[in-house]
PDB file of all heavy atoms in Angstrom:
ATOM      1  N   PRO A   1     -13.422 -70.206  84.750  1.00  0.00           N
ATOM      2  CA  PRO A   1     -13.881 -71.286  85.630  1.00  0.00           C
ATOM      3  C   PRO A   1     -13.449 -70.971  87.059  1.00  0.00           C
ATOM      4  O   PRO A   1     -12.336 -70.502  87.294  1.00  0.00           O
ATOM      5  CB  PRO A   1     -13.157 -72.524  85.088  1.00  0.00           C
ATOM      6  CG  PRO A   1     -11.936 -71.979  84.414  1.00  0.00           C
ATOM      7  CD  PRO A   1     -12.276 -70.606  83.931  1.00  0.00           C
ATOM      8  N   MET A   2     -14.337 -71.209  88.021  1.00  0.00           N
ATOM      9  CA  MET A   2     -14.072 -70.824  89.408  1.00  0.00           C
ATOM     10  C   MET A   2     -14.542 -71.897  90.389  1.00  0.00           C
ATOM     11  O   MET A   2     -15.550 -72.550  90.150  1.00  0.00           O
ATOM     12  CB  MET A   2     -14.835 -69.539  89.763  1.00  0.00           C
ATOM     13  CG  MET A   2     -14.680 -68.387  88.844  1.00  0.00           C
ATOM     14  SD  MET A   2     -13.489 -67.139  89.296  1.00  0.00           S
ATOM     15  CE  MET A   2     -13.448 -67.055  91.018  1.00  0.00           C
ATOM     16  N   THR A   3     -13.820 -72.007  91.496  1.00  0.00           N
ATOM     17  CA  THR A   3     -14.372 -72.724  92.642  1.00  0.00           C
ATOM     18  C   THR A   3     -15.393 -71.793  93.277  1.00  0.00           C
ATOM     19  O   THR A   3     -15.352 -70.574  93.077  1.00  0.00           O
ATOM     20  CB  THR A   3     -13.274 -73.108  93.644  1.00  0.00           C
ATOM     21  OG1 THR A   3     -12.559 -71.936  94.024  1.00  0.00           O
ATOM     22  CG2 THR A   3     -12.316 -74.130  93.040  1.00  0.00           C
ATOM     23  N   PHE A   4     -16.323 -72.345  94.039  1.00  0.00           N
ATOM     24  CA  PHE A   4     -17.441 -71.531  94.508  1.00  0.00           C
ATOM     25  C   PHE A   4     -18.138 -72.185  95.694  1.00  0.00           C
ATOM     26  O   PHE A   4     -17.837 -73.314  96.076  1.00  0.00           O
ATOM     27  CB  PHE A   4     -18.450 -71.328  93.371  1.00  0.00           C
ATOM     28  CG  PHE A   4     -19.267 -72.573  93.075  1.00  0.00           C
ATOM     29  CD1 PHE A   4     -20.592 -72.654  93.491  1.00  0.00           C
ATOM     30  CD2 PHE A   4     -18.719 -73.652  92.407  1.00  0.00           C
ATOM     31  CE1 PHE A   4     -21.339 -73.796  93.247  1.00  0.00           C
ATOM     32  CE2 PHE A   4     -19.452 -74.790  92.144  1.00  0.00           C
ATOM     33  CZ  PHE A   4     -20.775 -74.872  92.564  1.00  0.00           C
ATOM     34  N   GLY A   5     -19.082 -71.482  96.215  1.00  0.00           N
ATOM     35  CA  GLY A   5     -20.035 -72.001  97.184  1.00  0.00           C
ATOM     36  C   GLY A   5     -21.376 -71.382  96.853  1.00  0.00           C
ATOM     37  O   GLY A   5     -21.442 -70.351  96.175  1.00  0.00           O
ATOM     38  N   SER A   6     -22.451 -72.001  97.302  1.00  0.00           N
ATOM     39  CA  SER A   6     -23.765 -71.438  97.022  1.00  0.00           C
ATOM     40  C   SER A   6     -24.706 -71.709  98.180  1.00  0.00           C
ATOM     41  O   SER A   6     -24.484 -72.599  98.990  1.00  0.00           O
ATOM     42  CB  SER A   6     -24.337 -72.008  95.717  1.00  0.00           C
ATOM     43  OG  SER A   6     -24.541 -73.396  95.834  1.00  0.00           O
ATOM     44  N   ALA A   7     -25.753 -70.905  98.233  1.00  0.00           N
ATOM     45  CA  ALA A   7     -26.761 -71.042  99.280  1.00  0.00           C
ATOM     46  C   ALA A   7     -28.070 -70.477  98.751  1.00  0.00           C
ATOM     47  O   ALA A   7     -28.081 -69.718  97.784  1.00  0.00           O
ATOM     48  CB  ALA A   7     -26.330 -70.276 100.535  1.00  0.00           C
ATOM     49  N   VAL A   8     -29.160 -70.844  99.400  1.00  0.00           N
ATOM     50  CA  VAL A   8     -30.446 -70.230  99.115  1.00  0.00           C
ATOM     51  C   VAL A   8     -30.687 -69.223 100.231  1.00  0.00           C
ATOM     52  O   VAL A   8     -30.703 -69.585 101.408  1.00  0.00           O
ATOM     53  CB  VAL A   8     -31.585 -71.267  99.052  1.00  0.00           C
ATOM     54  CG1 VAL A   8     -32.926 -70.575  98.869  1.00  0.00           C
ATOM     55  CG2 VAL A   8     -31.344 -72.264  97.932  1.00  0.00           C
ATOM     56  N   GLU A   9     -30.816 -67.955  99.847  1.00  0.00           N
ATOM     57  CA  GLU A   9     -31.036 -66.872 100.800  1.00  0.00           C
ATOM     58  C   GLU A   9     -32.221 -66.042 100.338  1.00  0.00           C
ATOM     59  O   GLU A   9     -32.246 -65.588  99.192  1.00  0.00           O
ATOM     60  CB  GLU A   9     -29.784 -65.997 100.903  1.00  0.00           C
ATOM     61  CG  GLU A   9     -28.555 -66.759 101.384  1.00  0.00           C
ATOM     62  CD  GLU A   9     -27.275 -65.937 101.336  1.00  0.00           C
ATOM     63  OE1 GLU A   9     -27.347 -64.713 101.051  1.00  0.00           O
ATOM     64  OE2 GLU A   9     -26.199 -66.519 101.579  1.00  0.00           O
ATOM     65  N   ASP A  10     -33.185 -65.885 101.205  1.00  0.00           N
ATOM     66  CA  ASP A  10     -34.394 -65.111 100.880  1.00  0.00           C
ATOM     67  C   ASP A  10     -35.043 -65.585  99.581  1.00  0.00           C
ATOM     68  O   ASP A  10     -35.499 -64.784  98.761  1.00  0.00           O
ATOM     69  CB  ASP A  10     -34.082 -63.613 100.799  1.00  0.00           C
ATOM     70  CG  ASP A  10     -33.596 -63.043 102.129  1.00  0.00           C
ATOM     71  OD1 ASP A  10     -34.102 -63.496 103.182  1.00  0.00           O
ATOM     72  OD2 ASP A  10     -32.709 -62.178 102.108  1.00  0.00           O
ATOM     73  N   GLY A  11     -35.054 -66.900  99.377  1.00  0.00           N
ATOM     74  CA  GLY A  11     -35.710 -67.481  98.216  1.00  0.00           C
ATOM     75  C   GLY A  11     -34.948 -67.386  96.909  1.00  0.00           C
ATOM     76  O   GLY A  11     -35.477 -67.716  95.863  1.00  0.00           O
ATOM     77  N   LYS A  12     -33.695 -66.926  96.977  1.00  0.00           N
ATOM     78  CA  LYS A  12     -32.873 -66.820  95.766  1.00  0.00           C
ATOM     79  C   LYS A  12     -31.559 -67.567  95.966  1.00  0.00           C
ATOM     80  O   LYS A  12     -31.041 -67.643  97.079  1.00  0.00           O
ATOM     81  CB  LYS A  12     -32.571 -65.361  95.426  1.00  0.00           C
ATOM     82  CG  LYS A  12     -33.798 -64.596  94.985  1.00  0.00           C
ATOM     83  CD  LYS A  12     -33.423 -63.271  94.391  1.00  0.00           C
ATOM     84  CE  LYS A  12     -34.672 -62.604  93.822  1.00  0.00           C
ATOM     85  NZ  LYS A  12     -34.339 -61.494  92.968  1.00  0.00           N
ATOM     86  N   ILE A  13     -31.020 -68.072  94.865  1.00  0.00           N
ATOM     87  CA  ILE A  13     -29.713 -68.719  94.927  1.00  0.00           C
ATOM     88  C   ILE A  13     -28.640 -67.638  94.913  1.00  0.00           C
ATOM     89  O   ILE A  13     -28.692 -66.706  94.109  1.00  0.00           O
ATOM     90  CB  ILE A  13     -29.518 -69.696  93.764  1.00  0.00           C
ATOM     91  CG1 ILE A  13     -30.475 -70.875  93.937  1.00  0.00           C
ATOM     92  CG2 ILE A  13     -28.070 -70.171  93.681  1.00  0.00           C
ATOM     93  CD1 ILE A  13     -30.432 -71.894  92.856  1.00  0.00           C
ATOM     94  N   VAL A  14     -27.691 -67.788  95.827  1.00  0.00           N
ATOM     95  CA  VAL A  14     -26.564 -66.879  95.914  1.00  0.00           C
ATOM     96  C   VAL A  14     -25.301 -67.697  95.693  1.00  0.00           C
ATOM     97  O   VAL A  14     -25.113 -68.752  96.304  1.00  0.00           O
ATOM     98  CB  VAL A  14     -26.503 -66.176  97.288  1.00  0.00           C
ATOM     99  CG1 VAL A  14     -25.313 -65.241  97.363  1.00  0.00           C
ATOM    100  CG2 VAL A  14     -27.796 -65.422  97.545  1.00  0.00           C
ATOM    101  N   VAL A  15     -24.444 -67.230  94.804  1.00  0.00           N
ATOM    102  CA  VAL A  15     -23.180 -67.888  94.496  1.00  0.00           C
ATOM    103  C   VAL A  15     -22.060 -67.014  95.043  1.00  0.00           C
ATOM    104  O   VAL A  15     -22.059 -65.801  94.843  1.00  0.00           O
ATOM    105  CB  VAL A  15     -23.012 -68.095  92.970  1.00  0.00           C
ATOM    106  CG1 VAL A  15     -21.633 -68.639  92.628  1.00  0.00           C
ATOM    107  CG2 VAL A  15     -24.109 -69.025  92.445  1.00  0.00           C
ATOM    108  N   TYR A  16     -21.125 -67.653  95.739  1.00  0.00           N
ATOM    109  CA  TYR A  16     -19.966 -66.950  96.285  1.00  0.00           C
ATOM    110  C   TYR A  16     -18.715 -67.418  95.549  1.00  0.00           C
ATOM    111  O   TYR A  16     -18.535 -68.621  95.332  1.00  0.00           O
ATOM    112  CB  TYR A  16     -19.814 -67.249  97.780  1.00  0.00           C
ATOM    113  CG  TYR A  16     -20.929 -66.673  98.606  1.00  0.00           C
ATOM    114  CD1 TYR A  16     -22.051 -67.427  98.917  1.00  0.00           C
ATOM    115  CD2 TYR A  16     -20.869 -65.365  99.059  1.00  0.00           C
ATOM    116  CE1 TYR A  16     -23.084 -66.896  99.669  1.00  0.00           C
ATOM    117  CE2 TYR A  16     -21.902 -64.820  99.810  1.00  0.00           C
ATOM    118  CZ  TYR A  16     -23.002 -65.592 100.116  1.00  0.00           C
ATOM    119  OH  TYR A  16     -24.025 -65.062 100.850  1.00  0.00           O
ATOM    120  N   ILE A  17     -17.875 -66.466  95.167  1.00  0.00           N
ATOM    121  CA  ILE A  17     -16.598 -66.780  94.529  1.00  0.00           C
ATOM    122  C   ILE A  17     -15.516 -65.959  95.209  1.00  0.00           C
ATOM    123  O   ILE A  17     -15.814 -64.985  95.909  1.00  0.00           O
ATOM    124  CB  ILE A  17     -16.620 -66.501  93.002  1.00  0.00           C
ATOM    125  CG1 ILE A  17     -16.961 -65.031  92.715  1.00  0.00           C
ATOM    126  CG2 ILE A  17     -17.580 -67.446  92.287  1.00  0.00           C
ATOM    127  CD1 ILE A  17     -16.825 -64.624  91.251  1.00  0.00           C
ATOM    128  N   HIS A  18     -14.277 -66.356  94.993  1.00  0.00           N
ATOM    129  CA  HIS A  18     -13.163 -65.591  95.547  1.00  0.00           C
ATOM    130  C   HIS A  18     -12.109 -65.388  94.469  1.00  0.00           C
ATOM    131  O   HIS A  18     -12.105 -66.070  93.452  1.00  0.00           O
ATOM    132  CB  HIS A  18     -12.553 -66.291  96.763  1.00  0.00           C
ATOM    133  CG  HIS A  18     -11.744 -67.486  96.414  1.00  0.00           C
ATOM    134  ND1 HIS A  18     -12.301 -68.667  95.990  1.00  0.00           N
ATOM    135  CD2 HIS A  18     -10.411 -67.672  96.410  1.00  0.00           C
ATOM    136  CE1 HIS A  18     -11.339 -69.532  95.738  1.00  0.00           C
ATOM    137  NE2 HIS A  18     -10.185 -68.962  95.979  1.00  0.00           N
ATOM    138  N   SER A  19     -11.225 -64.435  94.738  1.00  0.00           N
ATOM    139  CA  SER A  19     -10.246 -64.054  93.730  1.00  0.00           C
ATOM    140  C   SER A  19      -9.071 -63.357  94.396  1.00  0.00           C
ATOM    141  O   SER A  19      -9.190 -62.867  95.524  1.00  0.00           O
ATOM    142  CB  SER A  19     -10.912 -63.088  92.744  1.00  0.00           C
ATOM    143  OG  SER A  19      -9.999 -62.556  91.830  1.00  0.00           O
ATOM    144  N   ALA A  20      -7.981 -63.289  93.667  1.00  0.00           N
ATOM    145  CA  ALA A  20      -6.906 -62.390  94.075  1.00  0.00           C
ATOM    146  C   ALA A  20      -7.448 -60.969  93.969  1.00  0.00           C
ATOM    147  O   ALA A  20      -8.443 -60.715  93.282  1.00  0.00           O
ATOM    148  CB  ALA A  20      -5.689 -62.563  93.169  1.00  0.00           C
ATOM    149  N   GLY A  21      -6.812 -60.045  94.622  1.00  0.00           N
ATOM    150  CA  GLY A  21      -7.300 -58.676  94.648  1.00  0.00           C
ATOM    151  C   GLY A  21      -7.025 -57.867  93.398  1.00  0.00           C
ATOM    152  O   GLY A  21      -7.463 -56.725  93.290  1.00  0.00           O
ATOM    153  N   GLU A  22      -6.303 -58.445  92.458  1.00  0.00           N
ATOM    154  CA  GLU A  22      -6.012 -57.712  91.224  1.00  0.00           C
ATOM    155  C   GLU A  22      -5.982 -58.686  90.061  1.00  0.00           C
ATOM    156  O   GLU A  22      -5.911 -59.886  90.238  1.00  0.00           O
ATOM    157  CB  GLU A  22      -4.678 -56.979  91.331  1.00  0.00           C
ATOM    158  CG  GLU A  22      -3.521 -57.881  91.682  1.00  0.00           C
ATOM    159  CD  GLU A  22      -2.244 -57.110  91.956  1.00  0.00           C
ATOM    160  OE1 GLU A  22      -2.317 -55.992  92.481  1.00  0.00           O
ATOM    161  OE2 GLU A  22      -1.175 -57.650  91.628  1.00  0.00           O
ATOM    162  N   GLY A  23      -6.047 -58.139  88.868  1.00  0.00           N
ATOM    163  CA  GLY A  23      -6.021 -58.959  87.668  1.00  0.00           C
ATOM    164  C   GLY A  23      -7.217 -58.667  86.788  1.00  0.00           C
ATOM    165  O   GLY A  23      -8.080 -57.833  87.105  1.00  0.00           O
ATOM    166  N   ARG A  24      -7.261 -59.352  85.676  1.00  0.00           N
ATOM    167  CA  ARG A  24      -8.276 -59.086  84.657  1.00  0.00           C
ATOM    168  C   ARG A  24      -9.695 -59.236  85.188  1.00  0.00           C
ATOM    169  O   ARG A  24     -10.558 -58.396  84.924  1.00  0.00           O
ATOM    170  CB  ARG A  24      -8.042 -60.013  83.463  1.00  0.00           C
ATOM    171  CG  ARG A  24      -8.951 -59.739  82.298  1.00  0.00           C
ATOM    172  CD  ARG A  24      -8.565 -60.569  81.096  1.00  0.00           C
ATOM    173  NE  ARG A  24      -9.439 -60.283  79.974  1.00  0.00           N
ATOM    174  CZ  ARG A  24      -9.402 -60.932  78.833  1.00  0.00           C
ATOM    175  NH1 ARG A  24      -8.523 -61.899  78.642  1.00  0.00           N
ATOM    176  NH2 ARG A  24     -10.230 -60.624  77.854  1.00  0.00           N
ATOM    177  N   LYS A  25      -9.951 -60.313  85.932  1.00  0.00           N
ATOM    178  CA  LYS A  25     -11.295 -60.561  86.452  1.00  0.00           C
ATOM    179  C   LYS A  25     -11.749 -59.400  87.340  1.00  0.00           C
ATOM    180  O   LYS A  25     -12.853 -58.869  87.169  1.00  0.00           O
ATOM    181  CB  LYS A  25     -11.306 -61.884  87.210  1.00  0.00           C
ATOM    182  CG  LYS A  25     -12.616 -62.221  87.849  1.00  0.00           C
ATOM    183  CD  LYS A  25     -12.616 -63.601  88.489  1.00  0.00           C
ATOM    184  CE  LYS A  25     -11.427 -63.835  89.327  1.00  0.00           C
ATOM    185  NZ  LYS A  25     -10.590 -64.903  89.232  1.00  0.00           N
ATOM    186  N   CYS A  26     -10.910 -58.999  88.282  1.00  0.00           N
ATOM    187  CA  CYS A  26     -11.270 -57.887  89.180  1.00  0.00           C
ATOM    188  C   CYS A  26     -11.430 -56.584  88.418  1.00  0.00           C
ATOM    189  O   CYS A  26     -12.326 -55.787  88.723  1.00  0.00           O
ATOM    190  CB  CYS A  26     -10.231 -57.745  90.289  1.00  0.00           C
ATOM    191  SG  CYS A  26     -10.382 -59.039  91.536  1.00  0.00           S
ATOM    192  N   ASP A  27     -10.586 -56.348  87.423  1.00  0.00           N
ATOM    193  CA  ASP A  27     -10.703 -55.132  86.610  1.00  0.00           C
ATOM    194  C   ASP A  27     -12.047 -55.093  85.881  1.00  0.00           C
ATOM    195  O   ASP A  27     -12.724 -54.057  85.850  1.00  0.00           O
ATOM    196  CB  ASP A  27      -9.570 -55.047  85.585  1.00  0.00           C
ATOM    197  CG  ASP A  27      -8.207 -54.821  86.218  1.00  0.00           C
ATOM    198  OD1 ASP A  27      -8.143 -54.455  87.419  1.00  0.00           O
ATOM    199  OD2 ASP A  27      -7.196 -55.027  85.508  1.00  0.00           O
ATOM    200  N   ILE A  28     -12.430 -56.214  85.300  1.00  0.00           N
ATOM    201  CA  ILE A  28     -13.695 -56.273  84.561  1.00  0.00           C
ATOM    202  C   ILE A  28     -14.873 -56.079  85.505  1.00  0.00           C
ATOM    203  O   ILE A  28     -15.788 -55.303  85.227  1.00  0.00           O
ATOM    204  CB  ILE A  28     -13.817 -57.605  83.786  1.00  0.00           C
ATOM    205  CG1 ILE A  28     -12.805 -57.647  82.635  1.00  0.00           C
ATOM    206  CG2 ILE A  28     -15.241 -57.800  83.264  1.00  0.00           C
ATOM    207  CD1 ILE A  28     -12.693 -59.005  81.965  1.00  0.00           C
ATOM    208  N   LEU A  29     -14.862 -56.784  86.644  1.00  0.00           N
ATOM    209  CA  LEU A  29     -15.979 -56.677  87.574  1.00  0.00           C
ATOM    210  C   LEU A  29     -16.101 -55.279  88.175  1.00  0.00           C
ATOM    211  O   LEU A  29     -17.208 -54.836  88.497  1.00  0.00           O
ATOM    212  CB  LEU A  29     -15.853 -57.729  88.679  1.00  0.00           C
ATOM    213  CG  LEU A  29     -16.049 -59.177  88.224  1.00  0.00           C
ATOM    214  CD1 LEU A  29     -15.801 -60.140  89.374  1.00  0.00           C
ATOM    215  CD2 LEU A  29     -17.438 -59.377  87.623  1.00  0.00           C
ATOM    216  N   ALA A  30     -14.998 -54.570  88.316  1.00  0.00           N
ATOM    217  CA  ALA A  30     -15.051 -53.195  88.824  1.00  0.00           C
ATOM    218  C   ALA A  30     -15.751 -52.278  87.819  1.00  0.00           C
ATOM    219  O   ALA A  30     -16.453 -51.339  88.211  1.00  0.00           O
ATOM    220  CB  ALA A  30     -13.640 -52.688  89.114  1.00  0.00           C
ATOM    221  N   LYS A  31     -15.580 -52.561  86.521  1.00  0.00           N
ATOM    222  CA  LYS A  31     -16.200 -51.739  85.472  1.00  0.00           C
ATOM    223  C   LYS A  31     -17.644 -52.145  85.218  1.00  0.00           C
ATOM    224  O   LYS A  31     -18.495 -51.300  84.933  1.00  0.00           O
ATOM    225  CB  LYS A  31     -15.414 -51.858  84.169  1.00  0.00           C
ATOM    226  CG  LYS A  31     -14.061 -51.202  84.216  1.00  0.00           C
ATOM    227  CD  LYS A  31     -13.324 -51.414  82.909  1.00  0.00           C
ATOM    228  CE  LYS A  31     -11.898 -50.893  83.004  1.00  0.00           C
ATOM    229  NZ  LYS A  31     -11.100 -51.272  81.840  1.00  0.00           N
ATOM    230  N   ASP A  32     -17.919 -53.442  85.248  1.00  0.00           N
ATOM    231  CA  ASP A  32     -19.258 -53.946  84.946  1.00  0.00           C
ATOM    232  C   ASP A  32     -19.486 -55.230  85.739  1.00  0.00           C
ATOM    233  O   ASP A  32     -19.004 -56.292  85.358  1.00  0.00           O
ATOM    234  CB  ASP A  32     -19.402 -54.221  83.448  1.00  0.00           C
ATOM    235  CG  ASP A  32     -20.824 -54.582  83.049  1.00  0.00           C
ATOM    236  OD1 ASP A  32     -21.675 -54.816  83.941  1.00  0.00           O
ATOM    237  OD2 ASP A  32     -21.093 -54.638  81.839  1.00  0.00           O
ATOM    238  N   PRO A  33     -20.205 -55.159  86.856  1.00  0.00           N
ATOM    239  CA  PRO A  33     -20.384 -56.327  87.710  1.00  0.00           C
ATOM    240  C   PRO A  33     -21.466 -57.309  87.249  1.00  0.00           C
ATOM    241  O   PRO A  33     -21.713 -58.309  87.920  1.00  0.00           O
ATOM    242  CB  PRO A  33     -20.738 -55.706  89.067  1.00  0.00           C
ATOM    243  CG  PRO A  33     -21.446 -54.440  88.703  1.00  0.00           C
ATOM    244  CD  PRO A  33     -20.747 -53.945  87.455  1.00  0.00           C
ATOM    245  N   ARG A  34     -22.089 -57.041  86.111  1.00  0.00           N
ATOM    246  CA  ARG A  34     -23.107 -57.975  85.607  1.00  0.00           C
ATOM    247  C   ARG A  34     -22.427 -59.256  85.131  1.00  0.00           C
ATOM    248  O   ARG A  34     -21.472 -59.199  84.359  1.00  0.00           O
ATOM    249  CB  ARG A  34     -23.899 -57.363  84.458  1.00  0.00           C
ATOM    250  CG  ARG A  34     -24.707 -56.144  84.866  1.00  0.00           C
ATOM    251  CD  ARG A  34     -25.366 -55.494  83.681  1.00  0.00           C
ATOM    252  NE  ARG A  34     -24.334 -55.050  82.738  1.00  0.00           N
ATOM    253  CZ  ARG A  34     -24.544 -54.788  81.457  1.00  0.00           C
ATOM    254  NH1 ARG A  34     -25.748 -54.926  80.940  1.00  0.00           N
ATOM    255  NH2 ARG A  34     -23.560 -54.385  80.689  1.00  0.00           N
ATOM    256  N   VAL A  35     -22.928 -60.401  85.585  1.00  0.00           N
ATOM    257  CA  VAL A  35     -22.306 -61.675  85.233  1.00  0.00           C
ATOM    258  C   VAL A  35     -23.354 -62.715  84.864  1.00  0.00           C
ATOM    259  O   VAL A  35     -24.525 -62.597  85.207  1.00  0.00           O
ATOM    260  CB  VAL A  35     -21.427 -62.235  86.385  1.00  0.00           C
ATOM    261  CG1 VAL A  35     -20.277 -61.300  86.704  1.00  0.00           C
ATOM    262  CG2 VAL A  35     -22.249 -62.524  87.628  1.00  0.00           C
TER     263      VAL A  35
END
């Protein structure tokens, strides 16, 4: 679960999230950024 922000850009929804620079989430996203 994450806090977030979103916007419509070029006709698509874009979701923004933030994180610490290390940890399980960052490790997973570095290997496979599909979400």
